[in-house]
Amino acid sequence: MKPGIRRDLIDGGAAREQIERSVMSWTGVEAVPHRFGGTEYRYGRKEMGHVHGDRLADLPLPRRLHDEVIADGRAQPHHVLPDTGWVSCWIEKPEDVTTVIELLRIQYERYRAAAVRSDSATGSAERSPS
């Protein structure tokens, strides 16, 4: 275990449960098992990110946002694929849970805005994500 990790945050499942409770309250989001373990959160067919238990969250970000959240200290380059647009957020303290939720919310808003733009371009009424 990494130094400084709060045992109560991890052992009680508090991080995973808090993230799931928040993210699943957003319209159009679904949770599915992630292929490498954990829970993947999707808006339509797009993965917003995934959480591995109470320890780690990974998110795919466009390069500008990727660089920004790393520079701000809100995330690190992906723990396995550091040269991609993916970032990793280690969950070591309660503030990290808040950061993960905020980053997932950014993803949600990006994908939702893209769906609305797409619907507007095709003249469709707002529909559930696909």
N, C-alpha and C. Protein backbone atom coordinates (compact mmCIF):
# COMPACT_ATOMS: atom_id res chain seq x y z
N MET A 1 0.84 -1.18 0.00
CA MET A 1 0.00 0.00 0.00
C MET A 1 0.88 1.24 0.00
N LYS A 2 0.48 2.26 -0.76
CA LYS A 2 1.27 3.49 -0.83
C LYS A 2 1.21 4.22 0.51
N PRO A 3 2.32 4.86 0.92
CA PRO A 3 2.32 5.61 2.17
C PRO A 3 1.28 6.72 2.13
N GLY A 4 0.66 7.00 3.26
CA GLY A 4 -0.27 8.10 3.36
C GLY A 4 -1.70 7.77 2.96
N ILE A 5 -1.97 6.54 2.54
CA ILE A 5 -3.32 6.17 2.16
C ILE A 5 -4.14 5.94 3.42
N ARG A 6 -5.34 6.52 3.45
CA ARG A 6 -6.21 6.35 4.60
C ARG A 6 -6.88 5.00 4.53
N ARG A 7 -6.63 4.14 5.52
CA ARG A 7 -7.21 2.79 5.54
C ARG A 7 -8.73 2.85 5.58
N ASP A 8 -9.31 3.78 6.34
CA ASP A 8 -10.77 3.82 6.44
C ASP A 8 -11.41 4.18 5.10
N LEU A 9 -10.73 4.98 4.31
CA LEU A 9 -11.25 5.37 3.01
C LEU A 9 -11.28 4.16 2.08
N ILE A 10 -10.28 3.30 2.21
CA ILE A 10 -10.16 2.14 1.32
C ILE A 10 -10.93 0.94 1.86
N ASP A 11 -10.71 0.59 3.11
CA ASP A 11 -11.30 -0.62 3.67
C ASP A 11 -12.82 -0.57 3.71
N GLY A 12 -13.39 0.59 3.95
CA GLY A 12 -14.84 0.69 4.06
C GLY A 12 -15.54 0.85 2.72
N GLY A 13 -14.81 0.97 1.64
CA GLY A 13 -15.43 1.14 0.33
C GLY A 13 -16.00 2.53 0.12
N ALA A 14 -15.61 3.46 0.96
CA ALA A 14 -16.19 4.80 0.90
C ALA A 14 -15.90 5.52 -0.40
N ALA A 15 -14.70 5.41 -0.93
CA ALA A 15 -14.34 6.14 -2.15
C ALA A 15 -15.18 5.67 -3.33
N ARG A 16 -15.17 4.38 -3.57
CA ARG A 16 -15.91 3.80 -4.70
C ARG A 16 -17.40 4.13 -4.58
N GLU A 17 -17.94 3.96 -3.39
CA GLU A 17 -19.37 4.21 -3.20
C GLU A 17 -19.73 5.68 -3.41
N GLN A 18 -18.90 6.58 -2.92
CA GLN A 18 -19.18 8.00 -3.08
C GLN A 18 -19.10 8.41 -4.55
N ILE A 19 -18.09 7.90 -5.26
CA ILE A 19 -17.96 8.20 -6.69
C ILE A 19 -19.18 7.66 -7.44
N GLU A 20 -19.55 6.42 -7.18
CA GLU A 20 -20.68 5.83 -7.88
C GLU A 20 -21.98 6.57 -7.58
N ARG A 21 -22.20 6.90 -6.33
CA ARG A 21 -23.42 7.62 -5.96
C ARG A 21 -23.52 8.95 -6.72
N SER A 22 -22.43 9.67 -6.81
CA SER A 22 -22.43 10.96 -7.51
C SER A 22 -22.64 10.78 -9.01
N VAL A 23 -21.80 9.95 -9.61
CA VAL A 23 -21.80 9.81 -11.07
C VAL A 23 -23.11 9.21 -11.58
N MET A 24 -23.67 8.26 -10.85
CA MET A 24 -24.90 7.62 -11.31
C MET A 24 -26.12 8.52 -11.14
N SER A 25 -25.97 9.66 -10.49
CA SER A 25 -27.09 10.60 -10.36
C SER A 25 -27.21 11.49 -11.61
N TRP A 26 -26.24 11.42 -12.52
CA TRP A 26 -26.25 12.25 -13.72
C TRP A 26 -27.04 11.55 -14.82
N THR A 27 -27.93 12.27 -15.45
CA THR A 27 -28.79 11.72 -16.49
C THR A 27 -27.96 11.12 -17.63
N GLY A 28 -28.33 9.90 -18.02
CA GLY A 28 -27.70 9.26 -19.18
C GLY A 28 -26.43 8.49 -18.89
N VAL A 29 -26.02 8.41 -17.62
CA VAL A 29 -24.79 7.70 -17.28
C VAL A 29 -25.13 6.27 -16.89
N GLU A 30 -24.29 5.34 -17.35
CA GLU A 30 -24.44 3.96 -16.93
C GLU A 30 -23.11 3.44 -16.41
N ALA A 31 -23.19 2.46 -15.54
CA ALA A 31 -21.99 1.81 -14.99
C ALA A 31 -21.95 0.38 -15.53
N VAL A 32 -20.79 -0.02 -16.03
CA VAL A 32 -20.59 -1.37 -16.54
C VAL A 32 -19.26 -1.89 -16.02
N PRO A 33 -19.10 -3.21 -15.94
CA PRO A 33 -17.80 -3.74 -15.53
C PRO A 33 -16.72 -3.34 -16.54
N HIS A 34 -15.58 -2.92 -16.03
CA HIS A 34 -14.47 -2.55 -16.90
C HIS A 34 -13.66 -3.80 -17.25
N ARG A 35 -13.13 -3.84 -18.45
CA ARG A 35 -12.43 -5.05 -18.92
C ARG A 35 -11.18 -5.39 -18.12
N PHE A 36 -10.60 -4.40 -17.44
CA PHE A 36 -9.41 -4.67 -16.62
C PHE A 36 -9.75 -4.61 -15.13
N GLY A 37 -11.01 -4.76 -14.80
CA GLY A 37 -11.45 -4.73 -13.41
C GLY A 37 -11.98 -3.36 -13.03
N GLY A 38 -12.86 -3.34 -12.07
CA GLY A 38 -13.44 -2.09 -11.61
C GLY A 38 -14.72 -1.76 -12.35
N THR A 39 -15.11 -0.50 -12.26
CA THR A 39 -16.36 -0.02 -12.84
C THR A 39 -16.07 1.07 -13.85
N GLU A 40 -16.65 0.91 -15.04
CA GLU A 40 -16.52 1.90 -16.11
C GLU A 40 -17.80 2.72 -16.15
N TYR A 41 -17.64 4.03 -16.26
CA TYR A 41 -18.79 4.93 -16.37
C TYR A 41 -18.86 5.44 -17.80
N ARG A 42 -20.05 5.32 -18.38
CA ARG A 42 -20.25 5.71 -19.78
C ARG A 42 -21.38 6.71 -19.91
N TYR A 43 -21.22 7.57 -20.89
CA TYR A 43 -22.31 8.40 -21.36
C TYR A 43 -22.53 7.96 -22.79
N GLY A 44 -23.63 7.28 -23.01
CA GLY A 44 -23.85 6.66 -24.31
C GLY A 44 -22.80 5.58 -24.51
N ARG A 45 -22.13 5.62 -25.63
CA ARG A 45 -21.10 4.61 -25.92
C ARG A 45 -19.71 5.06 -25.52
N LYS A 46 -19.62 6.29 -24.99
CA LYS A 46 -18.30 6.86 -24.68
C LYS A 46 -17.94 6.65 -23.21
N GLU A 47 -16.75 6.14 -22.99
CA GLU A 47 -16.26 5.97 -21.63
C GLU A 47 -15.82 7.30 -21.06
N MET A 48 -16.40 7.66 -19.93
CA MET A 48 -15.99 8.89 -19.22
C MET A 48 -14.74 8.61 -18.40
N GLY A 49 -14.61 7.38 -17.93
CA GLY A 49 -13.49 6.96 -17.11
C GLY A 49 -13.87 5.70 -16.36
N HIS A 50 -12.92 5.14 -15.65
CA HIS A 50 -13.22 3.95 -14.85
C HIS A 50 -12.47 4.02 -13.53
N VAL A 51 -13.04 3.31 -12.55
CA VAL A 51 -12.51 3.32 -11.19
C VAL A 51 -12.16 1.89 -10.80
N HIS A 52 -10.94 1.72 -10.33
CA HIS A 52 -10.48 0.42 -9.84
C HIS A 52 -10.63 0.43 -8.32
N GLY A 53 -11.73 -0.12 -7.84
CA GLY A 53 -11.97 -0.19 -6.40
C GLY A 53 -11.94 1.17 -5.74
N ASP A 54 -11.24 1.26 -4.63
CA ASP A 54 -11.15 2.50 -3.86
C ASP A 54 -9.79 3.15 -3.99
N ARG A 55 -9.00 2.73 -5.00
CA ARG A 55 -7.62 3.18 -5.07
C ARG A 55 -7.25 4.04 -6.25
N LEU A 56 -7.93 3.86 -7.38
CA LEU A 56 -7.43 4.45 -8.61
C LEU A 56 -8.56 4.72 -9.60
N ALA A 57 -8.48 5.87 -10.27
CA ALA A 57 -9.40 6.18 -11.37
C ALA A 57 -8.56 6.54 -12.59
N ASP A 58 -9.00 6.11 -13.77
CA ASP A 58 -8.34 6.41 -15.03
C ASP A 58 -9.35 7.08 -15.96
N LEU A 59 -8.92 8.15 -16.63
CA LEU A 59 -9.82 8.89 -17.52
C LEU A 59 -9.12 9.21 -18.83
N PRO A 60 -9.85 9.08 -19.98
CA PRO A 60 -9.29 9.48 -21.27
C PRO A 60 -9.62 10.95 -21.52
N LEU A 61 -8.62 11.77 -21.71
CA LEU A 61 -8.84 13.20 -21.90
C LEU A 61 -8.21 13.70 -23.19
N PRO A 62 -8.79 14.74 -23.77
CA PRO A 62 -8.11 15.36 -24.91
C PRO A 62 -6.80 15.97 -24.42
N ARG A 63 -5.83 16.07 -25.27
CA ARG A 63 -4.46 16.45 -24.87
C ARG A 63 -4.41 17.76 -24.06
N ARG A 64 -5.15 18.78 -24.48
CA ARG A 64 -5.11 20.06 -23.77
C ARG A 64 -5.56 19.88 -22.32
N LEU A 65 -6.67 19.18 -22.13
CA LEU A 65 -7.19 18.94 -20.78
C LEU A 65 -6.28 18.01 -19.99
N HIS A 66 -5.76 16.99 -20.66
CA HIS A 66 -4.79 16.05 -20.07
C HIS A 66 -3.62 16.82 -19.47
N ASP A 67 -3.02 17.70 -20.28
CA ASP A 67 -1.86 18.47 -19.83
C ASP A 67 -2.23 19.42 -18.69
N GLU A 68 -3.42 20.01 -18.77
CA GLU A 68 -3.88 20.95 -17.74
C GLU A 68 -4.07 20.28 -16.38
N VAL A 69 -4.75 19.13 -16.35
CA VAL A 69 -5.01 18.48 -15.06
C VAL A 69 -3.74 17.90 -14.45
N ILE A 70 -2.79 17.52 -15.28
CA ILE A 70 -1.49 17.05 -14.77
C ILE A 70 -0.71 18.24 -14.20
N ALA A 71 -0.67 19.34 -14.93
CA ALA A 71 0.04 20.54 -14.46
C ALA A 71 -0.56 21.07 -13.16
N ASP A 72 -1.88 20.96 -13.01
CA ASP A 72 -2.56 21.41 -11.80
C ASP A 72 -2.40 20.45 -10.63
N GLY A 73 -1.85 19.27 -10.89
CA GLY A 73 -1.68 18.28 -9.83
C GLY A 73 -2.95 17.49 -9.52
N ARG A 74 -3.96 17.59 -10.40
CA ARG A 74 -5.20 16.84 -10.17
C ARG A 74 -5.12 15.41 -10.68
N ALA A 75 -4.11 15.11 -11.48
CA ALA A 75 -3.94 13.77 -12.03
C ALA A 75 -2.47 13.58 -12.40
N GLN A 76 -2.14 12.35 -12.76
CA GLN A 76 -0.80 12.00 -13.22
C GLN A 76 -0.93 11.33 -14.58
N PRO A 77 0.16 11.29 -15.36
CA PRO A 77 0.09 10.50 -16.59
C PRO A 77 -0.36 9.07 -16.24
N HIS A 78 -1.05 8.43 -17.14
CA HIS A 78 -1.57 7.09 -16.88
C HIS A 78 -0.48 6.18 -16.34
N HIS A 79 -0.83 5.39 -15.34
CA HIS A 79 0.15 4.55 -14.64
C HIS A 79 0.74 3.45 -15.50
N VAL A 80 0.08 3.05 -16.59
CA VAL A 80 0.61 2.02 -17.49
C VAL A 80 0.96 2.60 -18.86
N LEU A 81 0.15 3.54 -19.34
CA LEU A 81 0.32 4.12 -20.67
C LEU A 81 0.55 5.63 -20.56
N PRO A 82 1.71 6.04 -20.06
CA PRO A 82 1.94 7.46 -19.77
C PRO A 82 2.00 8.37 -21.00
N ASP A 83 2.22 7.82 -22.17
CA ASP A 83 2.35 8.65 -23.37
C ASP A 83 1.05 8.79 -24.15
N THR A 84 -0.06 8.42 -23.52
CA THR A 84 -1.37 8.55 -24.17
C THR A 84 -2.11 9.74 -23.56
N GLY A 85 -3.34 9.95 -23.96
CA GLY A 85 -4.17 11.00 -23.39
C GLY A 85 -4.81 10.60 -22.07
N TRP A 86 -4.57 9.38 -21.63
CA TRP A 86 -5.16 8.91 -20.38
C TRP A 86 -4.42 9.49 -19.18
N VAL A 87 -5.18 9.74 -18.10
CA VAL A 87 -4.59 10.15 -16.84
C VAL A 87 -5.04 9.18 -15.75
N SER A 88 -4.27 9.13 -14.68
CA SER A 88 -4.60 8.33 -13.50
C SER A 88 -4.71 9.25 -12.29
N CYS A 89 -5.66 8.94 -11.44
CA CYS A 89 -5.84 9.66 -10.18
C CYS A 89 -5.80 8.64 -9.05
N TRP A 90 -4.75 8.68 -8.26
CA TRP A 90 -4.65 7.80 -7.10
C TRP A 90 -5.53 8.35 -6.00
N ILE A 91 -6.30 7.49 -5.38
CA ILE A 91 -7.21 7.90 -4.32
C ILE A 91 -6.56 7.56 -2.99
N GLU A 92 -6.02 8.59 -2.35
CA GLU A 92 -5.28 8.41 -1.10
C GLU A 92 -5.91 9.14 0.08
N LYS A 93 -6.75 10.13 -0.20
CA LYS A 93 -7.38 10.92 0.86
C LYS A 93 -8.73 11.40 0.35
N PRO A 94 -9.60 11.86 1.24
CA PRO A 94 -10.95 12.26 0.82
C PRO A 94 -10.97 13.30 -0.30
N GLU A 95 -10.03 14.23 -0.31
CA GLU A 95 -9.99 15.24 -1.37
C GLU A 95 -9.81 14.62 -2.74
N ASP A 96 -9.15 13.47 -2.80
CA ASP A 96 -8.94 12.80 -4.08
C ASP A 96 -10.26 12.29 -4.66
N VAL A 97 -11.18 11.88 -3.79
CA VAL A 97 -12.49 11.44 -4.25
C VAL A 97 -13.20 12.62 -4.93
N THR A 98 -13.12 13.77 -4.31
CA THR A 98 -13.73 14.98 -4.88
C THR A 98 -13.12 15.29 -6.24
N THR A 99 -11.82 15.17 -6.36
CA THR A 99 -11.14 15.44 -7.63
C THR A 99 -11.60 14.46 -8.71
N VAL A 100 -11.70 13.19 -8.37
CA VAL A 100 -12.15 12.19 -9.36
C VAL A 100 -13.56 12.53 -9.83
N ILE A 101 -14.44 12.87 -8.91
CA ILE A 101 -15.81 13.22 -9.28
C ILE A 101 -15.81 14.46 -10.18
N GLU A 102 -15.01 15.45 -9.84
CA GLU A 102 -14.93 16.66 -10.66
C GLU A 102 -14.44 16.34 -12.07
N LEU A 103 -13.43 15.49 -12.20
CA LEU A 103 -12.91 15.14 -13.53
C LEU A 103 -13.93 14.33 -14.32
N LEU A 104 -14.63 13.42 -13.66
CA LEU A 104 -15.68 12.67 -14.34
C LEU A 104 -16.81 13.62 -14.78
N ARG A 105 -17.09 14.63 -13.97
CA ARG A 105 -18.12 15.61 -14.33
C ARG A 105 -17.70 16.42 -15.56
N ILE A 106 -16.42 16.75 -15.65
CA ILE A 106 -15.92 17.44 -16.84
C ILE A 106 -16.16 16.57 -18.08
N GLN A 107 -15.84 15.28 -17.96
CA GLN A 107 -16.07 14.35 -19.07
C GLN A 107 -17.55 14.31 -19.44
N TYR A 108 -18.40 14.17 -18.42
CA TYR A 108 -19.84 14.12 -18.63
C TYR A 108 -20.32 15.35 -19.39
N GLU A 109 -19.92 16.53 -18.95
CA GLU A 109 -20.34 17.77 -19.60
C GLU A 109 -19.83 17.85 -21.04
N ARG A 110 -18.61 17.41 -21.28
CA ARG A 110 -18.06 17.41 -22.64
C ARG A 110 -18.89 16.51 -23.55
N TYR A 111 -19.16 15.28 -23.09
CA TYR A 111 -19.89 14.32 -23.91
C TYR A 111 -21.34 14.74 -24.10
N ARG A 112 -21.94 15.29 -23.07
CA ARG A 112 -23.33 15.74 -23.16
C ARG A 112 -23.45 16.91 -24.15
N ALA A 113 -22.51 17.84 -24.08
CA ALA A 113 -22.51 18.97 -25.01
C ALA A 113 -22.34 18.48 -26.45
N ALA A 114 -21.48 17.50 -26.65
CA ALA A 114 -21.28 16.95 -28.00
C ALA A 114 -22.55 16.28 -28.50
N ALA A 115 -23.26 15.58 -27.63
CA ALA A 115 -24.51 14.93 -28.02
C ALA A 115 -25.57 15.95 -28.40
N VAL A 116 -25.64 17.05 -27.65
CA VAL A 116 -26.60 18.11 -27.96
C VAL A 116 -26.26 18.76 -29.29
N ARG A 117 -24.96 19.03 -29.52
CA ARG A 117 -24.54 19.61 -30.81
C ARG A 117 -24.90 18.67 -31.96
N SER A 118 -24.68 17.39 -31.77
CA SER A 118 -24.99 16.41 -32.81
C SER A 118 -26.49 16.37 -33.08
N ASP A 119 -27.29 16.40 -32.02
CA ASP A 119 -28.74 16.41 -32.18
C ASP A 119 -29.19 17.67 -32.90
N SER A 120 -28.59 18.80 -32.57
CA SER A 120 -28.96 20.07 -33.20
C SER A 120 -28.61 20.04 -34.69
N ALA A 121 -27.48 19.45 -35.01
CA ALA A 121 -27.02 19.40 -36.41
C ALA A 121 -27.95 18.53 -37.25
N THR A 122 -28.50 17.49 -36.65
CA THR A 122 -29.39 16.60 -37.40
C THR A 122 -30.85 16.98 -37.28
N GLY A 123 -31.13 18.01 -36.44
CA GLY A 123 -32.51 18.45 -36.27
C GLY A 123 -33.32 17.57 -35.36
N SER A 124 -32.66 16.70 -34.61
CA SER A 124 -33.36 15.79 -33.71
C SER A 124 -33.68 16.51 -32.41
N ALA A 125 -34.74 16.08 -31.79
CA ALA A 125 -35.03 16.54 -30.42
C ALA A 125 -34.00 15.87 -29.51
N GLU A 126 -33.79 16.44 -28.32
CA GLU A 126 -32.83 15.83 -27.40
C GLU A 126 -33.27 14.40 -27.12
N ARG A 127 -32.33 13.50 -27.19
CA ARG A 127 -32.62 12.09 -26.99
C ARG A 127 -31.63 11.53 -25.99
N SER A 128 -31.85 10.33 -25.61
CA SER A 128 -30.90 9.71 -24.71
C SER A 128 -29.62 9.46 -25.47
N PRO A 129 -28.47 9.43 -24.77
CA PRO A 129 -27.18 9.26 -25.45
C PRO A 129 -27.08 7.92 -26.15
N SER A 130 -26.32 7.90 -27.22
CA SER A 130 -26.09 6.64 -27.93
C SER A 130 -24.63 6.37 -28.09
